[in-house]
Protein backbone atom coordinates (compact mmCIF):
# COMPACT_ATOMS: atom_id res chain seq x y z
CA UNK A 1 148.35 129.32 201.83
CA UNK A 2 144.93 130.81 201.49
CA UNK A 3 144.85 130.73 197.69
CA UNK A 4 145.95 127.08 197.77
CA UNK A 5 143.24 126.18 200.34
CA UNK A 6 140.68 128.07 198.34
CA UNK A 7 141.70 126.16 195.23
CA UNK A 8 141.31 122.85 197.08
CA UNK A 9 137.81 123.87 198.28
CA UNK A 10 136.81 124.86 194.76
CA UNK A 11 138.04 121.55 193.39
CA UNK A 12 136.05 119.69 196.05
CA UNK A 13 132.93 121.66 195.15
CA UNK A 14 133.46 120.94 191.46
CA UNK A 15 133.99 117.21 192.11
CA UNK A 16 130.95 117.06 194.40
CA UNK A 17 128.84 118.85 191.82
CA UNK A 18 130.06 116.45 189.13
CA UNK A 19 129.16 113.40 191.23
CA UNK A 20 125.71 114.82 192.04
CA UNK A 21 125.04 115.63 188.40
CA UNK A 22 126.18 112.16 187.33
CA UNK A 23 123.96 110.54 189.95
CA UNK A 24 120.91 112.57 188.89
CA UNK A 25 121.55 111.81 185.22
CA UNK A 26 121.87 108.09 185.93
CA UNK A 27 118.60 108.10 187.91
CA UNK A 28 116.88 110.06 185.14
CA UNK A 29 118.05 107.57 182.51
CA UNK A 30 116.93 104.69 184.72
CA UNK A 31 113.46 106.23 185.12
CA UNK A 32 113.20 106.80 181.37
CA UNK A 33 114.33 103.22 180.74
CA UNK A 34 111.69 101.89 183.16
CA UNK A 35 109.03 104.04 181.52
CA UNK A 36 110.03 102.75 178.08
CA UNK A 37 109.96 99.17 179.31
CA UNK A 38 106.52 99.69 180.89
CA UNK A 39 105.26 101.36 177.71
CA UNK A 40 106.65 98.52 175.58
CA UNK A 41 104.95 95.98 177.83
CA UNK A 42 101.65 97.83 177.53
CA UNK A 43 102.02 97.89 173.75
CA UNK A 44 102.89 94.19 173.74
CA UNK A 45 99.86 93.32 175.86
CA UNK A 46 97.62 95.44 173.62
CA UNK A 47 98.43 93.11 170.75
CA UNK A 48 95.72 90.75 172.04
CA UNK A 49 91.93 90.98 171.83
CA UNK A 50 89.55 88.56 173.54
CA UNK A 51 85.76 88.96 173.50
CA UNK A 52 82.54 88.33 171.60
CA UNK A 53 81.60 89.15 168.02
CA UNK A 54 79.07 88.51 165.28
CA UNK A 55 79.91 88.74 161.60
CA UNK A 56 78.02 87.85 158.43
CA UNK A 57 81.42 87.55 156.74
CA UNK A 58 82.82 84.84 159.03
CA UNK A 59 81.16 83.55 162.21
CA UNK A 60 79.76 84.41 165.64
CA UNK A 61 80.78 83.66 169.21
CA UNK A 62 84.01 84.04 171.14
CA UNK A 63 86.84 85.75 169.32
CA UNK A 64 90.59 85.92 169.70
CA UNK A 65 92.70 88.46 167.77
CA UNK A 66 96.44 88.89 167.53
CA UNK A 67 98.25 91.93 166.12
CA UNK A 68 101.37 90.74 164.32
CA UNK A 69 102.36 94.37 163.82
CA UNK A 70 100.64 97.73 163.36
CA UNK A 71 99.29 96.61 159.98
CA UNK A 72 98.47 92.91 160.06
CA UNK A 73 95.94 91.26 162.38
CA UNK A 74 94.48 87.75 162.44
CA UNK A 75 91.20 86.89 164.15
CA UNK A 76 89.55 83.57 165.03
CA UNK A 77 85.85 83.29 165.98
CA UNK A 78 84.25 80.14 167.34
CA UNK A 79 81.14 78.88 169.12
CA UNK A 80 79.80 75.43 170.01
CA UNK A 81 76.68 74.19 171.79
CA UNK A 82 74.95 70.83 172.25
CA UNK A 83 71.77 70.02 174.15
CA UNK A 84 70.19 66.61 174.72
CA UNK A 85 66.99 65.49 176.38
CA UNK A 86 68.36 63.52 179.32
CA UNK A 87 64.87 62.77 180.69
CA UNK A 88 63.66 61.07 177.50
CA UNK A 89 66.76 59.49 175.97
CA UNK A 90 64.72 56.97 174.01
CA UNK A 91 63.23 59.81 171.93
CA UNK A 92 66.70 60.87 170.74
CA UNK A 93 65.96 64.58 171.07
CA UNK A 94 68.99 66.83 170.63
CA UNK A 95 70.12 70.14 169.16
CA UNK A 96 73.58 71.20 168.00
CA UNK A 97 74.92 74.60 167.02
CA UNK A 98 78.43 75.48 165.88
CA UNK A 99 80.19 78.39 164.23
CA UNK A 100 83.81 78.79 163.17
CA UNK A 101 85.41 81.64 161.25
CA UNK A 102 88.62 83.44 160.43
CA UNK A 103 89.46 87.03 159.48
CA UNK A 104 92.61 88.67 158.17
CA UNK A 105 92.77 92.43 158.73
CA UNK A 106 95.06 95.10 157.29
CA UNK A 107 95.12 98.47 159.08
CA UNK A 108 95.02 101.53 156.84
CA UNK A 109 95.19 103.88 159.84
CA UNK A 110 96.52 102.69 163.19
CA UNK A 111 96.46 104.93 166.25
CA UNK A 112 96.52 104.42 170.00
CA UNK A 113 92.74 104.81 170.40
CA UNK A 114 91.33 103.80 167.00
CA UNK A 115 92.06 102.26 163.63
CA UNK A 116 90.54 101.77 160.17
CA UNK A 117 91.18 98.45 158.45
CA UNK A 118 90.40 96.28 155.45
CA UNK A 119 89.46 92.66 156.03
CA UNK A 120 88.89 89.29 154.38
CA UNK A 121 86.67 86.79 156.17
CA UNK A 122 85.38 83.24 155.83
CA UNK A 123 83.51 80.83 158.08
CA UNK A 124 80.81 78.23 158.53
CA UNK A 125 77.58 78.10 160.59
CA UNK A 126 75.98 74.74 161.36
CA UNK A 127 72.76 73.82 163.18
CA UNK A 128 70.84 70.58 163.45
CA UNK A 129 67.97 69.41 165.65
CA UNK A 130 66.03 66.24 166.28
CA UNK A 131 62.74 66.39 168.17
CA UNK A 132 59.28 64.87 168.51
CA UNK A 133 56.18 66.68 167.27
CA UNK A 134 52.60 65.59 167.81
CA UNK A 135 50.79 64.87 164.55
CA UNK A 136 47.01 65.39 164.63
CA UNK A 137 46.57 63.43 161.41
CA UNK A 138 48.01 60.25 162.93
CA UNK A 139 47.33 61.25 166.55
CA UNK A 140 50.87 60.27 167.50
CA UNK A 141 54.35 61.71 167.90
CA UNK A 142 56.33 62.33 164.75
CA UNK A 143 60.12 62.36 164.59
CA UNK A 144 61.50 65.51 163.00
CA UNK A 145 65.09 66.15 161.96
CA UNK A 146 66.28 69.52 160.61
CA UNK A 147 69.73 70.63 159.50
CA UNK A 148 71.03 73.99 158.32
CA UNK A 149 74.49 74.82 157.02
CA UNK A 150 75.86 78.11 155.68
CA UNK A 151 79.27 79.10 154.39
CA UNK A 152 80.35 82.74 154.68
CA UNK A 153 82.80 84.70 152.54
CA UNK A 154 83.26 88.45 152.50
CA UNK A 155 85.46 91.51 152.50
CA UNK A 156 85.07 95.15 153.43
CA UNK A 157 86.19 97.88 155.79
CA UNK A 158 86.08 98.11 159.57
CA UNK A 159 86.58 100.58 162.38
CA UNK A 160 87.83 99.87 165.91
CA UNK A 161 87.62 102.20 168.90
CA UNK A 162 89.51 101.69 172.17
CA UNK A 163 87.60 102.99 175.21
CA UNK A 164 89.17 103.42 178.66
CA UNK A 165 92.42 102.02 177.23
CA UNK A 166 90.91 98.53 177.65
CA UNK A 167 87.61 98.03 175.80
CA UNK A 168 87.79 97.48 172.02
CA UNK A 169 84.57 98.08 170.04
CA UNK A 170 84.57 97.30 166.32
CA UNK A 171 82.12 97.63 163.41
CA UNK A 172 82.42 96.14 159.92
CA UNK A 173 80.55 96.45 156.65
CA UNK A 174 81.17 95.14 153.17
CA UNK A 175 80.10 92.58 150.57
CA UNK A 176 79.34 88.97 151.42
CA UNK A 177 78.64 85.71 149.62
CA UNK A 178 76.90 83.01 151.69
CA UNK A 179 75.74 79.74 150.10
CA UNK A 180 73.49 77.64 152.33
CA UNK A 181 71.64 74.32 152.44
CA UNK A 182 68.63 73.09 154.44
CA UNK A 183 67.55 69.53 155.14
CA UNK A 184 64.15 68.61 156.62
CA UNK A 185 63.01 65.07 157.40
CA UNK A 186 59.60 64.56 159.00
CA UNK A 187 58.46 61.14 157.83
CA UNK A 188 61.39 58.77 157.48
CA UNK A 189 62.55 58.07 154.83
CA UNK A 190 60.80 61.07 153.21
CA UNK A 191 62.74 64.34 153.34
CA UNK A 192 63.07 67.70 151.61
CA UNK A 193 66.25 69.59 150.79
CA UNK A 194 66.75 73.16 149.62
CA UNK A 195 69.78 75.30 148.87
CA UNK A 196 70.48 78.88 147.93
CA UNK A 197 72.81 81.80 148.55
CA UNK A 198 72.83 85.27 150.04
CA UNK A 199 74.75 87.90 148.08
CA UNK A 200 74.94 91.56 149.05
CA UNK A 201 75.92 93.87 151.84
CA UNK A 202 76.66 92.52 155.28
CA UNK A 203 77.71 93.79 158.67
CA UNK A 204 79.53 92.69 161.77
CA UNK A 205 80.56 93.94 165.16
CA UNK A 206 82.05 92.97 168.45
CA UNK A 207 83.19 93.84 171.92
CA UNK A 208 86.61 92.75 173.15
CA UNK A 209 89.15 93.39 175.87
CA UNK A 210 92.52 94.69 174.71
CA UNK A 211 95.52 93.22 176.54
């Protein structure tokens, strides 16, 4: 009987060991699955950038970027401001400023903490202002209206660095083409208008939060 009892004990030990091993393996796979899910979520959240930027190739102001994949990124930059003289509404004093731009980026090197990319950018900057200036020749206030508009086009190369796994800092340089126009009216209906263009090297940069 002893050999038979010993065999039963051995079988129980083997079965118990099998169940313990299966349980540990299942827990290990579950932990790995949770880690992969958490990592995937972090990667998904890191597809977004929200912050501030200035670029001579597109625009300045708030920016929003979305990574479609490890190569392709789109970026929108916008800013708007309006100020009026509420105390002297009859004088019609105001100032407006707006900027809107778009960039398409293609990553040559994409890593967890940095990337190098090529970009194409375009945008528009607009400013106008109406105010009253005192004229010593007529000894009275003179209405002045000024308007400035510039279009931006450019392409080049950029670098982005991720600090503390949250802060994205980017720098850009390349060639830009920026036609502009200016309008100045000081004695209605007399006015002056000029136009020109900036062609050459440009730069840009920004600070964003990576989500």
